[in-house]
Amino acid sequence: MAKKDLIVACPTCQKSVAWLESNQDKPFCSKRCKLIDLGEWASELHKIAGQTLDPETVTQLAKETSD
């Protein structure tokens, strides 16, 4: 019995994509969509929410890791 392919939406263009081991760009439909997404992360259009750190804490942590 053949297992049913999982179909997902490309995060960039929403095109349907089969989740296959042979698809090196999954979950994206193409290398182009993969690179568009990477560019959006690099330009900080995508972010993971978190707490804003106190600048003094950041400075202290930087000093501790450089020692």
N, C-alpha and C. Protein backbone atom coordinates (compact mmCIF):
# COMPACT_ATOMS: atom_id res chain seq x y z
N MET A 1 0.84 -1.17 0.00
CA MET A 1 0.00 0.00 0.00
C MET A 1 0.89 1.25 0.00
N ALA A 2 0.67 2.14 -0.95
CA ALA A 2 1.46 3.37 -1.05
C ALA A 2 0.93 4.37 -0.03
N LYS A 3 1.88 4.99 0.67
CA LYS A 3 1.42 5.99 1.64
C LYS A 3 1.06 7.28 0.90
N LYS A 4 0.10 7.98 1.43
CA LYS A 4 -0.39 9.21 0.81
C LYS A 4 0.62 10.32 1.03
N ASP A 5 0.92 11.07 -0.04
CA ASP A 5 1.85 12.19 0.05
C ASP A 5 1.23 13.32 0.86
N LEU A 6 2.04 13.93 1.69
CA LEU A 6 1.61 15.09 2.46
C LEU A 6 1.73 16.30 1.55
N ILE A 7 0.69 17.11 1.46
CA ILE A 7 0.70 18.31 0.65
C ILE A 7 0.69 19.51 1.59
N VAL A 8 1.64 20.42 1.38
CA VAL A 8 1.73 21.63 2.20
C VAL A 8 1.70 22.85 1.28
N ALA A 9 1.42 24.01 1.85
CA ALA A 9 1.45 25.26 1.10
C ALA A 9 2.84 25.88 1.21
N CYS A 10 3.39 26.31 0.09
CA CYS A 10 4.68 27.01 0.10
C CYS A 10 4.52 28.26 0.96
N PRO A 11 5.42 28.47 1.95
CA PRO A 11 5.30 29.63 2.83
C PRO A 11 5.40 30.97 2.10
N THR A 12 6.00 30.99 0.92
CA THR A 12 6.19 32.23 0.19
C THR A 12 5.04 32.54 -0.76
N CYS A 13 4.68 31.57 -1.62
CA CYS A 13 3.69 31.84 -2.66
C CYS A 13 2.37 31.09 -2.47
N GLN A 14 2.32 30.22 -1.48
CA GLN A 14 1.12 29.43 -1.14
C GLN A 14 0.79 28.33 -2.16
N LYS A 15 1.67 28.07 -3.12
CA LYS A 15 1.46 26.98 -4.08
C LYS A 15 1.51 25.65 -3.33
N SER A 16 0.70 24.68 -3.75
CA SER A 16 0.70 23.35 -3.12
C SER A 16 1.98 22.61 -3.47
N VAL A 17 2.59 22.00 -2.45
CA VAL A 17 3.86 21.30 -2.62
C VAL A 17 3.77 19.94 -1.94
N ALA A 18 4.17 18.90 -2.66
CA ALA A 18 4.22 17.56 -2.06
C ALA A 18 5.46 17.47 -1.18
N TRP A 19 5.29 16.98 0.05
CA TRP A 19 6.40 16.84 0.99
C TRP A 19 7.10 15.52 0.67
N LEU A 20 8.04 15.59 -0.26
CA LEU A 20 8.76 14.41 -0.72
C LEU A 20 10.23 14.53 -0.33
N GLU A 21 10.84 13.42 -0.03
CA GLU A 21 12.26 13.43 0.31
C GLU A 21 13.10 13.96 -0.85
N SER A 22 12.64 13.75 -2.07
CA SER A 22 13.38 14.20 -3.25
C SER A 22 13.31 15.72 -3.44
N ASN A 23 12.38 16.39 -2.77
CA ASN A 23 12.24 17.84 -2.89
C ASN A 23 13.20 18.51 -1.90
N GLN A 24 14.33 18.97 -2.40
CA GLN A 24 15.34 19.57 -1.54
C GLN A 24 14.95 20.95 -1.03
N ASP A 25 13.92 21.55 -1.63
CA ASP A 25 13.51 22.89 -1.23
C ASP A 25 12.33 22.91 -0.27
N LYS A 26 11.84 21.71 0.14
CA LYS A 26 10.66 21.68 1.01
C LYS A 26 10.88 22.48 2.27
N PRO A 27 9.94 23.18 2.77
CA PRO A 27 8.53 23.23 2.39
C PRO A 27 8.24 24.20 1.26
N PHE A 28 9.28 24.75 0.64
CA PHE A 28 9.08 25.70 -0.45
C PHE A 28 8.89 24.97 -1.77
N CYS A 29 8.25 25.66 -2.73
CA CYS A 29 7.99 25.03 -4.03
C CYS A 29 9.21 25.11 -4.94
N SER A 30 10.13 26.03 -4.65
CA SER A 30 11.29 26.22 -5.51
C SER A 30 12.42 26.89 -4.74
N LYS A 31 13.60 26.85 -5.34
CA LYS A 31 14.75 27.53 -4.75
C LYS A 31 14.48 29.04 -4.68
N ARG A 32 13.78 29.57 -5.67
CA ARG A 32 13.47 31.00 -5.70
C ARG A 32 12.66 31.40 -4.47
N CYS A 33 11.60 30.65 -4.15
CA CYS A 33 10.78 30.96 -2.98
C CYS A 33 11.59 30.80 -1.70
N LYS A 34 12.48 29.82 -1.67
CA LYS A 34 13.34 29.61 -0.51
C LYS A 34 14.24 30.83 -0.28
N LEU A 35 14.81 31.37 -1.36
CA LEU A 35 15.69 32.53 -1.26
C LEU A 35 14.92 33.81 -0.91
N ILE A 36 13.71 33.94 -1.42
CA ILE A 36 12.88 35.09 -1.05
C ILE A 36 12.64 35.08 0.46
N ASP A 37 12.30 33.91 1.01
CA ASP A 37 12.06 33.79 2.44
C ASP A 37 13.32 34.11 3.24
N LEU A 38 14.45 33.61 2.80
CA LEU A 38 15.72 33.89 3.48
C LEU A 38 16.00 35.39 3.50
N GLY A 39 15.75 36.06 2.37
CA GLY A 39 15.95 37.50 2.29
C GLY A 39 15.04 38.26 3.24
N GLU A 40 13.81 37.78 3.41
CA GLU A 40 12.88 38.42 4.34
C GLU A 40 13.36 38.29 5.78
N TRP A 41 13.92 37.13 6.13
CA TRP A 41 14.49 36.97 7.48
C TRP A 41 15.71 37.88 7.64
N ALA A 42 16.57 37.93 6.61
CA ALA A 42 17.79 38.73 6.70
C ALA A 42 17.49 40.22 6.83
N SER A 43 16.42 40.67 6.19
CA SER A 43 16.06 42.09 6.28
C SER A 43 15.13 42.37 7.46
N GLU A 44 14.92 41.36 8.29
CA GLU A 44 14.11 41.44 9.51
C GLU A 44 12.64 41.73 9.26
N LEU A 45 12.13 41.32 8.08
CA LEU A 45 10.69 41.39 7.86
C LEU A 45 9.99 40.29 8.65
N HIS A 46 10.70 39.18 8.88
CA HIS A 46 10.21 38.10 9.74
C HIS A 46 11.00 38.17 11.04
N LYS A 47 10.32 38.00 12.15
CA LYS A 47 10.98 38.02 13.46
C LYS A 47 10.31 37.01 14.37
N ILE A 48 11.03 36.52 15.33
CA ILE A 48 10.48 35.67 16.37
C ILE A 48 10.32 36.55 17.60
N ALA A 49 9.10 36.62 18.09
CA ALA A 49 8.80 37.51 19.22
C ALA A 49 9.57 37.07 20.46
N GLY A 50 9.96 38.04 21.23
CA GLY A 50 10.65 37.76 22.48
C GLY A 50 10.72 39.03 23.31
N GLN A 51 11.24 38.90 24.48
CA GLN A 51 11.37 40.06 25.36
C GLN A 51 12.52 40.95 24.90
N THR A 52 12.36 42.24 25.06
CA THR A 52 13.44 43.18 24.81
C THR A 52 14.37 43.14 26.02
N LEU A 53 15.66 42.96 25.74
CA LEU A 53 16.62 42.90 26.83
C LEU A 53 17.10 44.28 27.22
N ASP A 54 17.35 44.45 28.50
CA ASP A 54 17.91 45.68 29.03
C ASP A 54 19.32 45.84 28.46
N PRO A 55 19.68 47.01 27.92
CA PRO A 55 21.02 47.21 27.34
C PRO A 55 22.16 46.88 28.30
N GLU A 56 21.98 47.15 29.59
CA GLU A 56 23.02 46.83 30.57
C GLU A 56 23.22 45.32 30.67
N THR A 57 22.13 44.57 30.61
CA THR A 57 22.21 43.11 30.66
C THR A 57 22.97 42.58 29.45
N VAL A 58 22.67 43.14 28.27
CA VAL A 58 23.35 42.71 27.04
C VAL A 58 24.85 42.99 27.16
N THR A 59 25.20 44.17 27.66
CA THR A 59 26.62 44.54 27.82
C THR A 59 27.30 43.58 28.79
N GLN A 60 26.66 43.27 29.89
CA GLN A 60 27.21 42.36 30.90
C GLN A 60 27.40 40.96 30.31
N LEU A 61 26.41 40.48 29.59
CA LEU A 61 26.52 39.14 28.97
C LEU A 61 27.64 39.11 27.95
N ALA A 62 27.81 40.17 27.20
CA ALA A 62 28.88 40.25 26.20
C ALA A 62 30.24 40.20 26.87
N LYS A 63 30.39 40.89 28.00
CA LYS A 63 31.66 40.88 28.73
C LYS A 63 31.95 39.49 29.29
N GLU A 64 30.92 38.83 29.81
CA GLU A 64 31.10 37.50 30.39
C GLU A 64 31.51 36.48 29.34
N THR A 65 30.98 36.57 28.15
CA THR A 65 31.30 35.59 27.11
C THR A 65 32.63 35.87 26.43
N SER A 66 33.13 37.11 26.53
CA SER A 66 34.41 37.43 25.90
C SER A 66 35.58 37.10 26.81
N ASP A 67 35.33 36.87 28.09
CA ASP A 67 36.41 36.55 29.05
C ASP A 67 36.87 35.14 28.92
